[in-house]
Amino acid sequence: MKILCIGDVVGSIGCEFLRKTLPKFKKLKGIDFVICNGENSADGNGILPTSAEHLFKSGVDVLTLGNHTFQRKEIFSFLDEEETIVRPCNFPSPSTPGRGYCTVDLGRTSVTVINLMGQEFIDIKVDNPYYAIDGVLKNIDSKIIVVDMHAETTSEKKAMGYYLDGRVSAFFGTHTHVQTADECILKGGTGYITDVGMTGPVESVLGIKKEIIINRFKTKLPERFENADGECMLNCILFDIDEKSGKTISVERFDLR
């Protein structure tokens, strides 16, 4: 089974570029299933029901989120209603809207997608991700399990990848919006990349107008973020997973322009 994982979509410009690019790429590569991080898909930041629906209609099967999950109140009820959008499973409160994982029945097999958030340099306080993922895995019967870990540091994602090696089919990191060049298959058969990157404007700082971020660093004064425009990219990684064993057979990284 070929599963495509797409990096953080930034604003309406990222959503539109995904809609333009994804259908052709799915057909070209024979992709069976698409997972996309959509926590920045609304202009500004956060996610709205409208941006989520746009991504689903563009060919995404499951949306994952992160530290901006609850930036927009409009998404709260949508998280409870829509089973194929998942927020980090280690949010501490049992009353937190939404769910931390979902299982999609594809007939011949099923795919479980788990969302997880790191603790280092993240502005949202969450429970220990190791205990959280252990608890979730006890409840899953799927052969194919894919984890999106939304985390700031490469070391935290790398450590979790090794911790889950052989226990999940594939692991990809999100949040930094910068694609890493360390895609591999770990010894236990888990496909891995530290960060898959982002979908949005190339000439930007993580999707935001570069002048705004430069001025913020230079003056130390707050600035209102605005999404950049111009040429876009779609960063993604393609895992080919054996349906019987649940192990990754091959992994390939892409930067679509």
Protein backbone atom coordinates (compact mmCIF):
# COMPACT_ATOMS: atom_id res chain seq x y z
CA MET A 1 0.00 0.00 0.00
CA LYS A 2 1.32 3.42 -0.97
CA ILE A 3 0.70 6.07 1.70
CA LEU A 4 1.58 9.71 1.05
CA CYS A 5 2.24 12.02 4.01
CA ILE A 6 2.17 15.77 3.36
CA GLY A 7 3.84 18.52 5.40
CA ASP A 8 2.03 21.37 7.16
CA VAL A 9 -0.27 23.19 4.74
CA VAL A 10 0.03 26.97 5.19
CA GLY A 11 -3.02 29.15 4.53
CA SER A 12 -5.32 29.33 1.55
CA ILE A 13 -2.36 29.57 -0.82
CA GLY A 14 -1.09 26.20 0.43
CA CYS A 15 -4.58 24.70 0.20
CA GLU A 16 -4.96 25.85 -3.39
CA PHE A 17 -1.54 24.55 -4.40
CA LEU A 18 -2.33 21.17 -2.84
CA ARG A 19 -5.61 21.00 -4.79
CA LYS A 20 -3.72 21.80 -7.99
CA THR A 21 -0.89 19.33 -7.37
CA LEU A 22 -2.17 16.34 -5.39
CA PRO A 23 -4.66 14.67 -7.80
CA LYS A 24 -2.09 14.39 -10.62
CA PHE A 25 0.60 13.14 -8.25
CA LYS A 26 -1.72 10.50 -6.76
CA LYS A 27 -2.44 9.18 -10.22
CA LEU A 28 1.22 9.29 -11.28
CA LYS A 29 2.45 7.32 -8.25
CA GLY A 30 -0.58 5.05 -7.73
CA ILE A 31 -1.13 6.39 -4.21
CA ASP A 32 -3.74 4.58 -2.11
CA PHE A 33 -4.02 6.82 0.95
CA VAL A 34 -3.12 10.42 1.86
CA ILE A 35 -2.36 11.90 5.29
CA CYS A 36 -1.82 15.66 5.60
CA ASN A 37 -1.03 17.99 8.48
CA GLY A 38 -3.57 20.82 8.32
CA GLU A 39 -3.09 22.76 11.55
CA ASN A 40 -2.03 25.94 9.69
CA SER A 41 -4.42 25.63 6.75
CA ALA A 42 -6.50 28.66 7.76
CA ASP A 43 -5.10 32.08 6.85
CA GLY A 44 -3.23 33.43 9.88
CA ASN A 45 -2.91 30.09 11.62
CA GLY A 46 -5.03 27.26 12.98
CA ILE A 47 -7.59 25.29 11.04
CA LEU A 48 -11.21 26.02 10.13
CA PRO A 49 -13.96 23.66 8.98
CA THR A 50 -13.77 25.33 5.56
CA SER A 51 -10.02 24.73 5.17
CA ALA A 52 -10.40 21.15 6.42
CA GLU A 53 -13.18 20.45 3.91
CA HIS A 54 -11.07 22.00 1.14
CA LEU A 55 -8.25 19.56 1.88
CA PHE A 56 -10.57 16.55 2.08
CA LYS A 57 -12.16 17.46 -1.25
CA SER A 58 -8.68 17.83 -2.76
CA GLY A 59 -7.85 14.19 -2.10
CA VAL A 60 -6.69 14.01 1.54
CA ASP A 61 -8.00 11.01 3.52
CA VAL A 62 -6.91 11.94 7.05
CA LEU A 63 -5.90 15.30 8.55
CA THR A 64 -3.50 15.57 11.47
CA LEU A 65 -2.98 18.64 13.65
CA GLY A 66 -0.63 20.09 16.31
CA ASN A 67 -0.09 22.99 18.68
CA HIS A 68 -2.42 25.32 16.71
CA THR A 69 -5.29 22.83 16.81
CA PHE A 70 -7.52 25.00 19.00
CA GLN A 71 -6.48 28.41 17.66
CA ARG A 72 -9.94 28.82 16.06
CA LYS A 73 -13.05 28.06 18.14
CA GLU A 74 -15.00 27.23 14.99
CA ILE A 75 -13.11 23.92 14.72
CA PHE A 76 -14.12 22.56 18.15
CA SER A 77 -17.39 20.86 17.19
CA PHE A 78 -15.99 19.80 13.81
CA LEU A 79 -13.29 17.78 15.61
CA ASP A 80 -15.98 15.83 17.45
CA GLU A 81 -18.07 15.27 14.32
CA GLU A 82 -15.43 14.40 11.72
CA GLU A 83 -13.71 11.07 12.42
CA THR A 84 -10.91 11.50 9.89
CA ILE A 85 -9.37 14.58 11.49
CA VAL A 86 -7.18 13.86 14.52
CA ARG A 87 -5.46 16.10 17.07
CA PRO A 88 -2.51 15.09 19.27
CA CYS A 89 -3.47 12.13 21.45
CA ASN A 90 -1.51 13.46 24.44
CA PHE A 91 -3.62 16.53 25.17
CA PRO A 92 -4.05 16.18 28.95
CA SER A 93 -7.78 16.67 29.43
CA PRO A 94 -10.31 13.89 28.72
CA SER A 95 -12.77 16.64 27.74
CA THR A 96 -10.52 17.95 24.95
CA PRO A 97 -12.53 18.07 21.70
CA GLY A 98 -11.77 15.47 19.06
CA ARG A 99 -9.75 12.27 19.10
CA GLY A 100 -6.06 11.39 18.99
CA TYR A 101 -6.24 8.66 16.37
CA CYS A 102 -8.56 7.18 13.80
CA THR A 103 -8.86 3.91 11.88
CA VAL A 104 -10.02 3.97 8.27
CA ASP A 105 -11.46 0.74 6.85
CA LEU A 106 -10.36 0.32 3.23
CA GLY A 107 -12.01 -3.07 2.71
CA ARG A 108 -9.01 -5.27 2.12
CA THR A 109 -7.18 -3.68 5.06
CA SER A 110 -7.39 -0.77 7.48
CA VAL A 111 -5.07 2.14 8.24
CA THR A 112 -4.72 3.71 11.68
CA VAL A 113 -3.36 7.25 11.91
CA ILE A 114 -2.07 8.53 15.25
CA ASN A 115 -1.26 12.17 16.04
CA LEU A 116 1.29 12.92 18.76
CA MET A 117 2.88 16.14 20.05
CA GLY A 118 6.30 16.69 21.56
CA GLN A 119 7.04 18.52 24.81
CA GLU A 120 10.29 20.40 24.08
CA PHE A 121 9.93 24.12 23.18
CA ILE A 122 6.21 23.71 22.47
CA ASP A 123 3.89 26.40 23.84
CA ILE A 124 1.15 23.89 24.70
CA LYS A 125 1.54 21.69 27.77
CA VAL A 126 0.82 18.07 26.92
CA ASP A 127 1.18 14.70 28.62
CA ASN A 128 4.26 12.53 28.20
CA PRO A 129 4.15 11.34 24.56
CA TYR A 130 5.75 7.97 25.34
CA TYR A 131 3.08 6.92 27.83
CA ALA A 132 0.38 8.34 25.57
CA ILE A 133 1.46 6.38 22.49
CA ASP A 134 1.85 3.18 24.51
CA GLY A 135 -1.74 3.56 25.70
CA VAL A 136 -3.08 4.14 22.19
CA LEU A 137 -1.21 1.20 20.63
CA LYS A 138 -2.82 -1.19 23.11
CA ASN A 139 -6.20 -0.43 21.53
CA ILE A 140 -5.23 -0.84 17.86
CA ASP A 141 -5.58 -3.99 15.75
CA SER A 142 -4.57 -2.53 12.36
CA LYS A 143 -1.53 -3.95 10.62
CA ILE A 144 -0.81 -0.55 9.09
CA ILE A 145 -0.18 2.24 11.61
CA VAL A 146 1.16 5.69 10.71
CA VAL A 147 2.26 8.29 13.27
CA ASP A 148 2.58 12.06 12.78
CA MET A 149 4.63 13.57 15.61
CA HIS A 150 4.29 17.33 15.79
CA ALA A 151 7.44 18.46 17.60
CA GLU A 152 10.03 21.24 17.58
CA THR A 153 13.31 19.42 18.09
CA THR A 154 14.84 16.89 15.74
CA SER A 155 16.17 14.89 18.69
CA GLU A 156 12.71 14.38 20.21
CA LYS A 157 11.32 13.10 16.91
CA LYS A 158 14.36 10.93 16.25
CA ALA A 159 14.13 9.34 19.69
CA MET A 160 10.42 8.61 19.26
CA GLY A 161 11.07 7.08 15.85
CA TYR A 162 13.50 4.60 17.38
CA TYR A 163 11.10 3.95 20.28
CA LEU A 164 8.34 3.01 17.84
CA ASP A 165 10.51 1.09 15.39
CA GLY A 166 8.85 -2.23 14.63
CA ARG A 167 5.66 -1.18 16.41
CA VAL A 168 4.29 1.14 13.72
CA SER A 169 4.50 1.04 9.93
CA ALA A 170 5.66 4.59 9.35
CA PHE A 171 6.60 7.70 11.32
CA PHE A 172 6.84 11.26 10.01
CA GLY A 173 7.56 14.49 11.86
CA THR A 174 5.86 17.85 11.37
CA HIS A 175 5.90 21.40 12.84
CA THR A 176 9.24 22.90 11.74
CA HIS A 177 8.12 23.42 8.12
CA VAL A 178 11.61 22.46 6.91
CA GLN A 179 12.04 19.14 5.13
CA THR A 180 14.84 16.94 6.44
CA ALA A 181 16.92 14.65 4.22
CA ASP A 182 17.03 11.62 6.53
CA GLU A 183 14.26 9.41 5.14
CA CYS A 184 15.01 5.74 5.80
CA ILE A 185 13.63 2.41 6.91
CA LEU A 186 14.64 1.66 10.50
CA LYS A 187 15.87 -1.79 11.50
CA GLY A 188 12.46 -2.94 12.74
CA GLY A 189 10.79 -2.06 9.44
CA THR A 190 9.37 1.38 10.29
CA GLY A 191 9.57 4.01 7.55
CA TYR A 192 10.91 7.26 8.98
CA ILE A 193 11.59 10.96 8.32
CA THR A 194 12.33 13.57 11.00
CA ASP A 195 10.30 16.32 9.33
CA VAL A 196 8.32 16.11 6.11
CA GLY A 197 8.35 19.90 5.56
CA MET A 198 5.49 22.17 4.50
CA THR A 199 3.07 23.02 1.70
CA GLY A 200 3.04 26.71 0.88
CA PRO A 201 5.05 29.65 -0.49
CA VAL A 202 8.71 28.98 -1.26
CA GLU A 203 9.99 32.52 -0.68
CA SER A 204 8.88 32.85 2.92
CA VAL A 205 9.89 32.08 6.49
CA LEU A 206 7.85 28.98 7.30
CA GLY A 207 5.06 30.30 5.08
CA ILE A 208 5.01 33.86 6.50
CA LYS A 209 6.17 36.97 4.62
CA LYS A 210 9.93 37.10 5.09
CA GLU A 211 9.97 40.88 5.79
CA ILE A 212 7.69 40.42 8.79
CA ILE A 213 9.84 37.73 10.36
CA ILE A 214 13.10 39.58 9.66
CA ASN A 215 11.71 42.70 11.34
CA ARG A 216 10.48 40.69 14.29
CA PHE A 217 13.91 39.17 14.87
CA LYS A 218 15.63 42.51 14.30
CA THR A 219 13.47 44.72 16.53
CA LYS A 220 12.11 42.14 19.01
CA LEU A 221 8.71 43.80 18.58
CA PRO A 222 5.51 41.86 17.87
CA GLU A 223 4.30 41.68 14.28
CA ARG A 224 1.00 40.55 12.79
CA PHE A 225 1.71 37.48 10.69
CA GLU A 226 0.66 37.45 7.04
CA ASN A 227 1.04 34.49 4.70
CA ALA A 228 3.46 35.01 1.84
CA ASP A 229 2.50 34.54 -1.80
CA GLY A 230 4.27 33.55 -5.02
CA GLU A 231 5.67 30.19 -6.10
CA CYS A 232 4.62 27.30 -3.87
CA MET A 233 5.98 23.88 -2.96
CA LEU A 234 4.42 20.70 -1.63
CA ASN A 235 6.74 18.69 0.63
CA CYS A 236 5.76 15.07 1.12
CA ILE A 237 7.01 11.55 1.68
CA LEU A 238 5.75 8.33 0.13
CA PHE A 239 5.80 5.12 2.16
CA ASP A 240 5.19 1.81 0.38
CA ILE A 241 3.93 -0.55 3.08
CA ASP A 242 3.44 -4.31 2.90
CA GLU A 243 -0.19 -5.01 3.83
CA LYS A 244 0.50 -8.43 5.40
CA SER A 245 3.44 -7.50 7.63
CA GLY A 246 2.71 -3.81 8.14
CA LYS A 247 6.38 -3.04 7.43
CA THR A 248 7.66 -0.34 5.11
CA ILE A 249 9.14 -1.67 1.87
CA SER A 250 10.39 1.63 0.46
CA VAL A 251 10.40 5.33 1.27
CA GLU A 252 10.76 8.28 -1.10
CA ARG A 253 10.86 12.00 -0.33
CA PHE A 254 9.48 14.68 -2.69
CA ASP A 255 9.55 18.46 -3.04
CA LEU A 256 6.89 19.26 -5.66
CA ARG A 257 7.01 22.71 -7.31
